[in-house]
Amino acid sequence: MAERALFHDGLPSAPGLEVEVHRGFLVDADEQFTALLEETPWSRDAIVVFGQERPIPRMEAWYGDAGRTYRYSGRRLEPLPWTSRLAELRDRCATTAGEAFDSVLVNRYRNGDDAVGWHSDDEPELGNRPVIASLSLGATRRFRLRRRDGHHDPVALDLEHGDLLVMSGSTQALWQHCLARTARPVGERVNLTFRRIISPSPPEPRD
């Protein structure tokens, strides 16, 4: 199916796609972007893909309330404590999204080679109908969505500096999303995906 580009200020009607875009949501985006680049203890681990470990094509940090452990792609992330900056951003995004967030994954895309592949934020810890608030800072990148069953054209949206994207309802159950690589020269981007852990991961078994 051909990709259908989304309008800048609106979204097409698509089955199961419950997404809102708040353009220019963060009025102090420049300040927050610079500070997050400098203050975040970035790391780059590996994920398991088809049974093999591969380096993550981006840098990241996981923050949250105590005990808000998160598992994905064979990894177990223990939360760093909230900074005052991230707590403030969490509360601002929560007011707009109508959700009480308790954790955030902060991703750093250093250039067009950094990306995230097709996936859904559908881990059991997030519940059946999670609300995900995705805050974009820095370079504009194209965000793509596609139905898991292929029964609708894929759609695309350019997320710009200071935009807030909120995904809710059945979006994670029925749709996947990605941030693809691009050959175009592009600057750094920081993305914060706020979420709420419904059922924290159980502790690792001891030997």
N, C-alpha and C. Protein backbone atom coordinates (compact mmCIF):
# COMPACT_ATOMS: atom_id res chain seq x y z
N MET A 1 0.83 -1.19 0.00
CA MET A 1 0.00 0.00 0.00
C MET A 1 0.87 1.25 0.00
N ALA A 2 0.38 2.29 -0.64
CA ALA A 2 1.11 3.54 -0.67
C ALA A 2 1.00 4.26 0.67
N GLU A 3 2.06 4.97 1.03
CA GLU A 3 2.04 5.74 2.26
C GLU A 3 1.19 6.99 2.07
N ARG A 4 0.35 7.28 3.04
CA ARG A 4 -0.48 8.47 2.99
C ARG A 4 0.06 9.47 4.00
N ALA A 5 0.53 10.62 3.53
CA ALA A 5 1.06 11.63 4.43
C ALA A 5 -0.07 12.30 5.19
N LEU A 6 0.14 12.54 6.46
CA LEU A 6 -0.87 13.21 7.26
C LEU A 6 -0.80 14.72 7.04
N PHE A 7 -1.94 15.36 7.17
CA PHE A 7 -1.95 16.81 7.12
C PHE A 7 -1.19 17.35 8.33
N HIS A 8 -0.62 18.53 8.17
CA HIS A 8 0.19 19.10 9.24
C HIS A 8 -0.63 19.33 10.50
N ASP A 9 -1.87 19.79 10.38
CA ASP A 9 -2.67 20.14 11.56
C ASP A 9 -3.87 19.23 11.77
N GLY A 10 -3.89 18.08 11.15
CA GLY A 10 -5.01 17.17 11.34
C GLY A 10 -4.63 15.75 11.01
N LEU A 11 -5.46 14.82 11.43
CA LEU A 11 -5.20 13.41 11.20
C LEU A 11 -6.35 12.80 10.43
N PRO A 12 -6.07 11.87 9.50
CA PRO A 12 -7.15 11.21 8.77
C PRO A 12 -7.88 10.22 9.67
N SER A 13 -9.10 9.91 9.31
CA SER A 13 -9.84 8.88 10.02
C SER A 13 -9.30 7.52 9.61
N ALA A 14 -8.87 6.75 10.59
CA ALA A 14 -8.32 5.42 10.31
C ALA A 14 -8.75 4.49 11.44
N PRO A 15 -9.15 3.27 11.13
CA PRO A 15 -9.69 2.36 12.15
C PRO A 15 -8.67 2.05 13.24
N GLY A 16 -9.06 2.35 14.48
CA GLY A 16 -8.21 2.03 15.62
C GLY A 16 -7.07 2.98 15.88
N LEU A 17 -6.95 4.04 15.06
CA LEU A 17 -5.86 4.99 15.23
C LEU A 17 -6.36 6.18 16.05
N GLU A 18 -5.94 6.23 17.31
CA GLU A 18 -6.35 7.31 18.21
C GLU A 18 -5.10 8.11 18.57
N VAL A 19 -4.85 9.14 17.77
CA VAL A 19 -3.63 9.93 17.87
C VAL A 19 -3.97 11.41 17.80
N GLU A 20 -3.36 12.19 18.67
CA GLU A 20 -3.50 13.64 18.64
C GLU A 20 -2.12 14.26 18.51
N VAL A 21 -2.03 15.35 17.75
CA VAL A 21 -0.77 16.07 17.60
C VAL A 21 -0.98 17.50 18.08
N HIS A 22 -0.13 17.93 19.00
CA HIS A 22 -0.19 19.29 19.53
C HIS A 22 1.06 20.02 19.04
N ARG A 23 0.90 20.79 17.98
CA ARG A 23 2.02 21.49 17.36
C ARG A 23 2.52 22.63 18.26
N GLY A 24 3.83 22.74 18.37
CA GLY A 24 4.41 23.81 19.16
C GLY A 24 4.01 23.77 20.62
N PHE A 25 3.78 22.57 21.13
CA PHE A 25 3.32 22.40 22.51
C PHE A 25 4.29 23.01 23.52
N LEU A 26 5.60 22.80 23.29
CA LEU A 26 6.60 23.23 24.26
C LEU A 26 7.19 24.58 23.82
N VAL A 27 6.76 25.63 24.48
CA VAL A 27 7.20 26.97 24.07
C VAL A 27 8.66 27.22 24.42
N ASP A 28 9.18 26.51 25.41
CA ASP A 28 10.60 26.66 25.79
C ASP A 28 11.43 25.50 25.25
N ALA A 29 11.09 25.05 24.05
CA ALA A 29 11.72 23.86 23.47
C ALA A 29 13.24 24.02 23.33
N ASP A 30 13.71 25.19 22.93
CA ASP A 30 15.15 25.40 22.73
C ASP A 30 15.91 25.15 24.03
N GLU A 31 15.44 25.75 25.11
CA GLU A 31 16.10 25.59 26.41
C GLU A 31 16.09 24.15 26.87
N GLN A 32 14.94 23.48 26.74
CA GLN A 32 14.82 22.10 27.20
C GLN A 32 15.70 21.16 26.38
N PHE A 33 15.75 21.37 25.09
CA PHE A 33 16.57 20.53 24.21
C PHE A 33 18.04 20.62 24.58
N THR A 34 18.55 21.81 24.72
CA THR A 34 19.96 22.00 25.07
C THR A 34 20.28 21.37 26.42
N ALA A 35 19.41 21.59 27.41
CA ALA A 35 19.65 21.07 28.75
C ALA A 35 19.61 19.55 28.78
N LEU A 36 18.67 18.94 28.08
CA LEU A 36 18.56 17.48 28.09
C LEU A 36 19.78 16.83 27.42
N LEU A 37 20.26 17.43 26.36
CA LEU A 37 21.47 16.89 25.72
C LEU A 37 22.64 16.86 26.70
N GLU A 38 22.75 17.91 27.51
CA GLU A 38 23.90 18.04 28.42
C GLU A 38 23.71 17.24 29.71
N GLU A 39 22.51 17.16 30.22
CA GLU A 39 22.27 16.61 31.56
C GLU A 39 22.01 15.11 31.58
N THR A 40 21.55 14.55 30.49
CA THR A 40 21.13 13.14 30.50
C THR A 40 22.34 12.20 30.45
N PRO A 41 22.38 11.19 31.33
CA PRO A 41 23.46 10.19 31.29
C PRO A 41 23.19 9.15 30.20
N TRP A 42 23.47 9.51 28.98
CA TRP A 42 23.13 8.66 27.84
C TRP A 42 23.88 7.34 27.88
N SER A 43 23.21 6.28 27.43
CA SER A 43 23.86 4.98 27.29
C SER A 43 23.40 4.35 25.99
N ARG A 44 24.18 3.38 25.53
CA ARG A 44 23.83 2.66 24.31
C ARG A 44 24.06 1.18 24.55
N ASP A 45 22.98 0.46 24.75
CA ASP A 45 23.07 -0.97 25.03
C ASP A 45 22.77 -1.77 23.77
N ALA A 46 22.47 -3.05 23.96
CA ALA A 46 22.13 -3.92 22.85
C ALA A 46 20.75 -4.50 23.09
N ILE A 47 20.04 -4.84 22.01
CA ILE A 47 18.76 -5.52 22.10
C ILE A 47 18.87 -6.86 21.39
N VAL A 48 17.94 -7.74 21.72
CA VAL A 48 17.92 -9.07 21.11
C VAL A 48 16.96 -9.04 19.93
N VAL A 49 17.46 -9.31 18.73
CA VAL A 49 16.66 -9.34 17.52
C VAL A 49 16.84 -10.71 16.87
N PHE A 50 15.76 -11.48 16.80
CA PHE A 50 15.82 -12.84 16.24
C PHE A 50 16.93 -13.66 16.90
N GLY A 51 17.01 -13.52 18.22
CA GLY A 51 17.96 -14.32 18.99
C GLY A 51 19.38 -13.81 19.01
N GLN A 52 19.64 -12.67 18.36
CA GLN A 52 20.99 -12.12 18.32
C GLN A 52 21.02 -10.73 18.94
N GLU A 53 22.10 -10.43 19.66
CA GLU A 53 22.26 -9.10 20.24
C GLU A 53 22.79 -8.13 19.20
N ARG A 54 22.17 -6.96 19.13
CA ARG A 54 22.60 -5.93 18.20
C ARG A 54 22.61 -4.58 18.92
N PRO A 55 23.58 -3.73 18.62
CA PRO A 55 23.61 -2.41 19.27
C PRO A 55 22.36 -1.60 18.91
N ILE A 56 21.83 -0.89 19.87
CA ILE A 56 20.69 -0.02 19.62
C ILE A 56 21.14 1.16 18.75
N PRO A 57 20.42 1.47 17.68
CA PRO A 57 20.83 2.57 16.80
C PRO A 57 20.36 3.94 17.31
N ARG A 58 20.65 4.23 18.56
CA ARG A 58 20.33 5.51 19.20
C ARG A 58 20.87 5.42 20.63
N MET A 59 20.79 6.50 21.38
CA MET A 59 21.17 6.50 22.78
C MET A 59 19.93 6.75 23.63
N GLU A 60 19.97 6.32 24.91
CA GLU A 60 18.75 6.40 25.68
C GLU A 60 19.02 6.49 27.17
N ALA A 61 17.95 6.79 27.92
CA ALA A 61 17.96 6.78 29.37
C ALA A 61 16.52 6.53 29.84
N TRP A 62 16.37 5.76 30.91
CA TRP A 62 15.05 5.41 31.45
C TRP A 62 14.90 6.01 32.84
N TYR A 63 13.85 6.80 33.04
CA TYR A 63 13.56 7.44 34.32
C TYR A 63 12.18 7.02 34.79
N GLY A 64 11.96 7.04 36.12
CA GLY A 64 10.62 6.74 36.60
C GLY A 64 10.53 6.68 38.10
N ASP A 65 9.33 6.45 38.58
CA ASP A 65 9.11 6.23 40.01
C ASP A 65 9.86 4.98 40.45
N ALA A 66 10.14 4.89 41.72
CA ALA A 66 10.83 3.71 42.26
C ALA A 66 10.05 2.45 41.92
N GLY A 67 10.76 1.42 41.44
CA GLY A 67 10.15 0.15 41.12
C GLY A 67 9.54 0.07 39.74
N ARG A 68 9.58 1.17 38.97
CA ARG A 68 8.98 1.15 37.64
C ARG A 68 9.97 0.58 36.62
N THR A 69 10.23 -0.70 36.78
CA THR A 69 11.12 -1.43 35.88
C THR A 69 10.39 -1.71 34.57
N TYR A 70 11.14 -1.71 33.48
CA TYR A 70 10.53 -1.86 32.16
C TYR A 70 11.32 -2.89 31.36
N ARG A 71 10.61 -3.80 30.72
CA ARG A 71 11.25 -4.81 29.88
C ARG A 71 10.87 -4.60 28.42
N TYR A 72 11.86 -4.67 27.53
CA TYR A 72 11.55 -4.74 26.11
C TYR A 72 12.77 -5.26 25.37
N SER A 73 12.51 -6.03 24.30
CA SER A 73 13.55 -6.59 23.43
C SER A 73 14.64 -7.30 24.23
N GLY A 74 14.22 -8.08 25.23
CA GLY A 74 15.18 -8.86 26.01
C GLY A 74 15.96 -8.06 27.02
N ARG A 75 15.56 -6.83 27.30
CA ARG A 75 16.27 -5.98 28.24
C ARG A 75 15.38 -5.66 29.42
N ARG A 76 16.02 -5.34 30.53
CA ARG A 76 15.31 -4.93 31.74
C ARG A 76 15.91 -3.61 32.20
N LEU A 77 15.10 -2.55 32.16
CA LEU A 77 15.56 -1.21 32.48
C LEU A 77 15.12 -0.82 33.89
N GLU A 78 16.09 -0.47 34.73
CA GLU A 78 15.80 0.03 36.08
C GLU A 78 15.77 1.55 36.02
N PRO A 79 14.76 2.19 36.61
CA PRO A 79 14.60 3.63 36.43
C PRO A 79 15.62 4.47 37.20
N LEU A 80 16.11 5.50 36.55
CA LEU A 80 16.82 6.56 37.23
C LEU A 80 15.79 7.43 37.93
N PRO A 81 16.14 8.09 39.04
CA PRO A 81 15.17 8.97 39.71
C PRO A 81 14.87 10.21 38.87
N TRP A 82 13.66 10.69 38.99
CA TRP A 82 13.26 11.88 38.25
C TRP A 82 14.16 13.07 38.56
N THR A 83 14.53 13.80 37.54
CA THR A 83 15.15 15.11 37.75
C THR A 83 14.02 16.14 37.83
N SER A 84 14.31 17.30 38.37
CA SER A 84 13.28 18.34 38.45
C SER A 84 12.81 18.74 37.05
N ARG A 85 13.71 18.75 36.08
CA ARG A 85 13.34 19.11 34.72
C ARG A 85 12.38 18.08 34.12
N LEU A 86 12.72 16.81 34.23
CA LEU A 86 11.88 15.78 33.65
C LEU A 86 10.53 15.68 34.37
N ALA A 87 10.53 15.90 35.68
CA ALA A 87 9.27 15.87 36.43
C ALA A 87 8.35 16.99 35.96
N GLU A 88 8.92 18.16 35.69
CA GLU A 88 8.10 19.27 35.20
C GLU A 88 7.55 18.97 33.81
N LEU A 89 8.39 18.44 32.93
CA LEU A 89 7.92 18.07 31.59
C LEU A 89 6.86 16.97 31.67
N ARG A 90 7.06 16.01 32.56
CA ARG A 90 6.06 14.94 32.76
C ARG A 90 4.71 15.54 33.11
N ASP A 91 4.70 16.46 34.06
CA ASP A 91 3.43 17.03 34.52
C ASP A 91 2.76 17.86 33.43
N ARG A 92 3.54 18.57 32.64
CA ARG A 92 2.97 19.37 31.55
C ARG A 92 2.35 18.47 30.48
N CYS A 93 3.03 17.39 30.15
CA CYS A 93 2.49 16.45 29.16
C CYS A 93 1.28 15.70 29.72
N ALA A 94 1.32 15.37 31.00
CA ALA A 94 0.21 14.62 31.62
C ALA A 94 -1.08 15.43 31.60
N THR A 95 -0.98 16.73 31.82
CA THR A 95 -2.17 17.58 31.81
C THR A 95 -2.85 17.54 30.45
N THR A 96 -2.06 17.61 29.38
CA THR A 96 -2.62 17.59 28.03
C THR A 96 -3.12 16.20 27.65
N ALA A 97 -2.39 15.16 28.04
CA ALA A 97 -2.75 13.80 27.66
C ALA A 97 -3.86 13.21 28.52
N GLY A 98 -4.10 13.79 29.70
CA GLY A 98 -5.11 13.26 30.60
C GLY A 98 -4.71 11.94 31.23
N GLU A 99 -3.43 11.78 31.52
CA GLU A 99 -2.89 10.55 32.11
C GLU A 99 -1.85 10.90 33.15
N ALA A 100 -1.78 10.11 34.21
CA ALA A 100 -0.76 10.30 35.25
C ALA A 100 0.44 9.42 34.92
N PHE A 101 1.48 9.99 34.34
CA PHE A 101 2.64 9.21 33.93
C PHE A 101 3.58 8.98 35.11
N ASP A 102 4.22 7.80 35.09
CA ASP A 102 5.18 7.48 36.16
C ASP A 102 6.55 7.07 35.63
N SER A 103 6.76 7.21 34.31
CA SER A 103 8.05 6.81 33.73
C SER A 103 8.20 7.45 32.36
N VAL A 104 9.47 7.50 31.91
CA VAL A 104 9.75 8.08 30.59
C VAL A 104 10.99 7.45 30.00
N LEU A 105 10.93 7.15 28.72
CA LEU A 105 12.10 6.71 27.96
C LEU A 105 12.58 7.89 27.15
N VAL A 106 13.84 8.30 27.38
CA VAL A 106 14.42 9.44 26.68
C VAL A 106 15.38 8.89 25.63
N ASN A 107 15.10 9.20 24.36
CA ASN A 107 15.93 8.72 23.25
C ASN A 107 16.66 9.88 22.60
N ARG A 108 17.89 9.62 22.20
CA ARG A 108 18.70 10.61 21.49
C ARG A 108 19.07 10.06 20.12
N TYR A 109 18.59 10.74 19.08
CA TYR A 109 18.91 10.38 17.70
C TYR A 109 19.98 11.35 17.22
N ARG A 110 21.21 10.87 17.09
CA ARG A 110 22.34 11.75 16.84
C ARG A 110 22.41 12.25 15.41
N ASN A 111 21.87 11.48 14.48
CA ASN A 111 21.88 11.84 13.05
C ASN A 111 20.88 10.94 12.34
N GLY A 112 20.87 11.00 11.00
CA GLY A 112 19.91 10.23 10.24
C GLY A 112 20.10 8.73 10.31
N ASP A 113 21.26 8.27 10.76
CA ASP A 113 21.49 6.83 10.90
C ASP A 113 20.82 6.26 12.15
N ASP A 114 20.54 7.11 13.13
CA ASP A 114 19.87 6.65 14.35
C ASP A 114 18.37 6.55 14.09
N ALA A 115 17.75 5.48 14.58
CA ALA A 115 16.37 5.21 14.22
C ALA A 115 15.77 4.23 15.23
N VAL A 116 14.49 3.95 15.05
CA VAL A 116 13.82 2.87 15.79
C VAL A 116 12.89 2.18 14.81
N GLY A 117 12.95 0.85 14.78
CA GLY A 117 12.19 0.07 13.82
C GLY A 117 10.72 -0.07 14.18
N TRP A 118 10.00 -0.76 13.31
CA TRP A 118 8.57 -0.96 13.52
C TRP A 118 8.30 -1.70 14.83
N HIS A 119 7.40 -1.16 15.63
CA HIS A 119 7.06 -1.77 16.91
C HIS A 119 5.78 -1.14 17.45
N SER A 120 5.23 -1.75 18.48
CA SER A 120 4.13 -1.16 19.25
C SER A 120 4.57 -1.09 20.70
N ASP A 121 4.10 -0.09 21.40
CA ASP A 121 4.35 0.01 22.84
C ASP A 121 3.26 -0.79 23.55
N ASP A 122 3.35 -2.11 23.43
CA ASP A 122 2.29 -2.99 23.91
C ASP A 122 2.78 -3.99 24.94
N GLU A 123 3.86 -3.66 25.65
CA GLU A 123 4.36 -4.55 26.69
C GLU A 123 3.29 -4.74 27.77
N PRO A 124 3.22 -5.93 28.38
CA PRO A 124 2.18 -6.20 29.38
C PRO A 124 2.15 -5.18 30.52
N GLU A 125 3.32 -4.64 30.88
CA GLU A 125 3.39 -3.68 31.98
C GLU A 125 2.56 -2.43 31.72
N LEU A 126 2.27 -2.13 30.44
CA LEU A 126 1.58 -0.89 30.09
C LEU A 126 0.06 -1.04 30.06
N GLY A 127 -0.46 -2.25 30.22
CA GLY A 127 -1.89 -2.46 30.18
C GLY A 127 -2.43 -2.59 28.77
N ASN A 128 -3.77 -2.71 28.66
CA ASN A 128 -4.40 -3.01 27.37
C ASN A 128 -4.56 -1.80 26.46
N ARG A 129 -4.75 -0.62 27.03
CA ARG A 129 -5.00 0.58 26.24
C ARG A 129 -4.12 1.72 26.76
N PRO A 130 -2.82 1.59 26.58
CA PRO A 130 -1.91 2.58 27.17
C PRO A 130 -2.02 3.94 26.49
N VAL A 131 -1.76 4.97 27.28
CA VAL A 131 -1.62 6.33 26.76
C VAL A 131 -0.14 6.65 26.73
N ILE A 132 0.38 6.98 25.56
CA ILE A 132 1.79 7.32 25.38
C ILE A 132 1.87 8.76 24.90
N ALA A 133 2.62 9.59 25.62
CA ALA A 133 2.83 10.98 25.21
C ALA A 133 4.26 11.12 24.74
N SER A 134 4.43 11.48 23.47
CA SER A 134 5.75 11.53 22.84
C SER A 134 6.10 12.99 22.53
N LEU A 135 7.12 13.49 23.20
CA LEU A 135 7.54 14.88 23.07
C LEU A 135 8.80 14.95 22.21
N SER A 136 8.75 15.74 21.13
CA SER A 136 9.87 15.83 20.18
C SER A 136 10.62 17.14 20.35
N LEU A 137 11.95 17.03 20.37
CA LEU A 137 12.82 18.20 20.47
C LEU A 137 13.95 18.07 19.46
N GLY A 138 14.33 19.18 18.85
CA GLY A 138 15.44 19.14 17.91
C GLY A 138 14.98 18.97 16.48
N ALA A 139 15.75 18.22 15.71
CA ALA A 139 15.52 18.09 14.27
C ALA A 139 14.18 17.43 13.97
N THR A 140 13.54 17.86 12.90
CA THR A 140 12.30 17.25 12.43
C THR A 140 12.60 15.87 11.84
N ARG A 141 11.82 14.88 12.27
CA ARG A 141 11.95 13.52 11.72
C ARG A 141 10.56 13.00 11.35
N ARG A 142 10.53 12.08 10.40
CA ARG A 142 9.25 11.53 9.93
C ARG A 142 8.86 10.32 10.77
N PHE A 143 7.66 10.39 11.33
CA PHE A 143 7.08 9.34 12.17
C PHE A 143 6.05 8.60 11.33
N ARG A 144 6.20 7.29 11.25
CA ARG A 144 5.32 6.49 10.40
C ARG A 144 4.48 5.53 11.25
N LEU A 145 3.26 5.27 10.78
CA LEU A 145 2.37 4.31 11.43
C LEU A 145 1.78 3.38 10.39
N ARG A 146 1.56 2.11 10.77
CA ARG A 146 0.93 1.16 9.87
C ARG A 146 0.06 0.19 10.67
N ARG A 147 -1.04 -0.23 10.07
CA ARG A 147 -1.91 -1.22 10.70
C ARG A 147 -1.19 -2.57 10.73
N ARG A 148 -1.34 -3.26 11.82
CA ARG A 148 -0.71 -4.58 11.92
C ARG A 148 -1.28 -5.55 10.90
N ASP A 149 -2.57 -5.45 10.61
CA ASP A 149 -3.20 -6.38 9.67
C ASP A 149 -3.13 -5.90 8.22
N GLY A 150 -2.54 -4.73 7.99
CA GLY A 150 -2.39 -4.23 6.64
C GLY A 150 -3.67 -3.72 6.00
N HIS A 151 -4.74 -3.53 6.78
CA HIS A 151 -6.04 -3.15 6.23
C HIS A 151 -6.23 -1.64 6.11
N HIS A 152 -5.15 -0.90 6.09
CA HIS A 152 -5.24 0.54 5.86
C HIS A 152 -3.89 1.01 5.35
N ASP A 153 -3.90 2.05 4.52
CA ASP A 153 -2.64 2.60 4.04
C ASP A 153 -1.79 3.08 5.21
N PRO A 154 -0.48 2.84 5.18
CA PRO A 154 0.40 3.45 6.19
C PRO A 154 0.30 4.97 6.12
N VAL A 155 0.52 5.61 7.25
CA VAL A 155 0.45 7.06 7.29
C VAL A 155 1.75 7.61 7.86
N ALA A 156 2.03 8.88 7.57
CA ALA A 156 3.28 9.48 8.00
C ALA A 156 3.03 10.89 8.50
N LEU A 157 3.89 11.30 9.42
CA LEU A 157 3.74 12.60 10.06
C LEU A 157 5.12 13.14 10.40
N ASP A 158 5.42 14.35 10.01
CA ASP A 158 6.68 14.99 10.38
C ASP A 158 6.52 15.63 11.76
N LEU A 159 7.31 15.13 12.72
CA LEU A 159 7.28 15.67 14.08
C LEU A 159 8.38 16.71 14.21
N GLU A 160 7.98 17.90 14.64
CA GLU A 160 8.87 19.04 14.66
C GLU A 160 9.27 19.41 16.09
N HIS A 161 10.19 20.33 16.20
CA HIS A 161 10.74 20.81 17.46
C HIS A 161 9.62 21.37 18.35
N GLY A 162 9.40 20.72 19.51
CA GLY A 162 8.39 21.18 20.45
C GLY A 162 7.03 20.54 20.30
N ASP A 163 6.85 19.63 19.34
CA ASP A 163 5.55 18.97 19.14
C ASP A 163 5.31 17.88 20.18
N LEU A 164 4.04 17.69 20.53
CA LEU A 164 3.63 16.61 21.42
C LEU A 164 2.66 15.71 20.68
N LEU A 165 2.97 14.42 20.62
CA LEU A 165 2.12 13.41 20.00
C LEU A 165 1.56 12.52 21.11
N VAL A 166 0.25 12.35 21.14
CA VAL A 166 -0.39 11.50 22.16
C VAL A 166 -1.08 10.34 21.46
N MET A 167 -0.69 9.12 21.81
CA MET A 167 -1.31 7.90 21.28
C MET A 167 -2.09 7.23 22.40
N SER A 168 -3.32 6.81 22.11
CA SER A 168 -4.15 6.24 23.17
C SER A 168 -5.08 5.18 22.58
N GLY A 169 -6.03 4.73 23.41
CA GLY A 169 -7.03 3.76 22.98
C GLY A 169 -6.43 2.47 22.46
N SER A 170 -6.89 2.04 21.29
CA SER A 170 -6.43 0.77 20.70
C SER A 170 -5.25 0.95 19.76
N THR A 171 -4.63 2.12 19.75
CA THR A 171 -3.54 2.38 18.81
C THR A 171 -2.43 1.35 18.92
N GLN A 172 -1.96 1.06 20.14
CA GLN A 172 -0.84 0.13 20.30
C GLN A 172 -1.23 -1.30 19.97
N ALA A 173 -2.50 -1.65 20.16
CA ALA A 173 -2.95 -3.01 19.85
C ALA A 173 -3.10 -3.25 18.36
N LEU A 174 -3.46 -2.20 17.60
CA LEU A 174 -3.80 -2.37 16.20
C LEU A 174 -2.78 -1.78 15.24
N TRP A 175 -1.92 -0.89 15.73
CA TRP A 175 -0.97 -0.19 14.86
C TRP A 175 0.45 -0.35 15.36
N GLN A 176 1.39 -0.22 14.44
CA GLN A 176 2.81 -0.13 14.76
C GLN A 176 3.33 1.24 14.31
N HIS A 177 4.46 1.63 14.86
CA HIS A 177 5.06 2.89 14.45
C HIS A 177 6.57 2.76 14.39
N CYS A 178 7.22 3.69 13.71
CA CYS A 178 8.68 3.66 13.59
C CYS A 178 9.20 5.06 13.30
N LEU A 179 10.50 5.21 13.49
CA LEU A 179 11.22 6.41 13.05
C LEU A 179 12.36 5.88 12.19
N ALA A 180 12.19 5.96 10.89
CA ALA A 180 13.11 5.31 9.97
C ALA A 180 14.40 6.12 9.79
N ARG A 181 15.43 5.44 9.32
CA ARG A 181 16.67 6.13 8.94
C ARG A 181 16.40 7.05 7.75
N THR A 182 17.23 8.05 7.63
CA THR A 182 17.12 8.95 6.49
C THR A 182 18.50 9.31 5.98
N ALA A 183 18.63 9.39 4.65
CA ALA A 183 19.90 9.77 4.04
C ALA A 183 20.08 11.29 4.01
N ARG A 184 19.02 12.02 4.31
CA ARG A 184 19.13 13.48 4.33
C ARG A 184 19.99 13.94 5.49
N PRO A 185 20.78 14.98 5.31
CA PRO A 185 21.51 15.54 6.46
C PRO A 185 20.49 16.05 7.48
N VAL A 186 20.63 15.61 8.71
CA VAL A 186 19.67 15.99 9.75
C VAL A 186 20.40 16.13 11.08
N GLY A 187 19.98 17.08 11.88
CA GLY A 187 20.61 17.32 13.17
C GLY A 187 20.13 16.37 14.24
N GLU A 188 20.54 16.64 15.46
CA GLU A 188 20.18 15.77 16.59
C GLU A 188 18.72 15.97 16.98
N ARG A 189 18.15 14.91 17.53
CA ARG A 189 16.77 14.94 18.01
C ARG A 189 16.71 14.22 19.36
N VAL A 190 15.95 14.77 20.28
CA VAL A 190 15.66 14.11 21.55
C VAL A 190 14.16 13.87 21.62
N ASN A 191 13.78 12.66 21.97
CA ASN A 191 12.37 12.29 22.07
C ASN A 191 12.10 11.69 23.46
N LEU A 192 11.05 12.17 24.11
CA LEU A 192 10.68 11.67 25.42
C LEU A 192 9.31 11.00 25.29
N THR A 193 9.22 9.71 25.63
CA THR A 193 7.94 9.01 25.58
C THR A 193 7.51 8.69 27.01
N PHE A 194 6.55 9.48 27.48
CA PHE A 194 6.02 9.30 28.82
C PHE A 194 4.96 8.21 28.81
N ARG A 195 4.94 7.42 29.89
CA ARG A 195 4.01 6.30 29.97
C ARG A 195 3.68 5.99 31.42
N ARG A 196 2.75 5.07 31.63
CA ARG A 196 2.39 4.64 32.99
C ARG A 196 2.47 3.12 33.07
N ILE A 197 3.23 2.64 34.04
CA ILE A 197 3.37 1.21 34.25
C ILE A 197 2.20 0.72 35.10
N ILE A 198 1.38 -0.16 34.53
CA ILE A 198 0.22 -0.69 35.24
C ILE A 198 0.62 -1.80 36.21
N SER A 199 1.45 -2.70 35.72
CA SER A 199 1.91 -3.83 36.54
C SER A 199 3.41 -3.95 36.38
N PRO A 200 4.20 -3.50 37.37
CA PRO A 200 5.66 -3.55 37.25
C PRO A 200 6.16 -4.97 36.98
N SER A 201 7.28 -5.06 36.27
CA SER A 201 7.89 -6.35 35.96
C SER A 201 8.29 -7.06 37.24
N PRO A 202 8.11 -8.40 37.29
CA PRO A 202 8.58 -9.13 38.46
C PRO A 202 10.09 -9.11 38.55
N PRO A 203 10.65 -9.29 39.75
CA PRO A 203 12.11 -9.30 39.88
C PRO A 203 12.73 -10.48 39.15
N GLU A 204 14.00 -10.31 38.77
CA GLU A 204 14.73 -11.40 38.12
C GLU A 204 14.90 -12.56 39.10
N PRO A 205 14.75 -13.81 38.62
CA PRO A 205 14.97 -14.95 39.51
C PRO A 205 16.42 -15.01 39.97
N ARG A 206 16.62 -15.40 41.19
CA ARG A 206 17.98 -15.52 41.73
C ARG A 206 18.51 -16.92 41.46
N ASP A 207 19.84 -17.01 41.32
CA ASP A 207 20.46 -18.31 41.09
C ASP A 207 20.36 -19.18 42.35
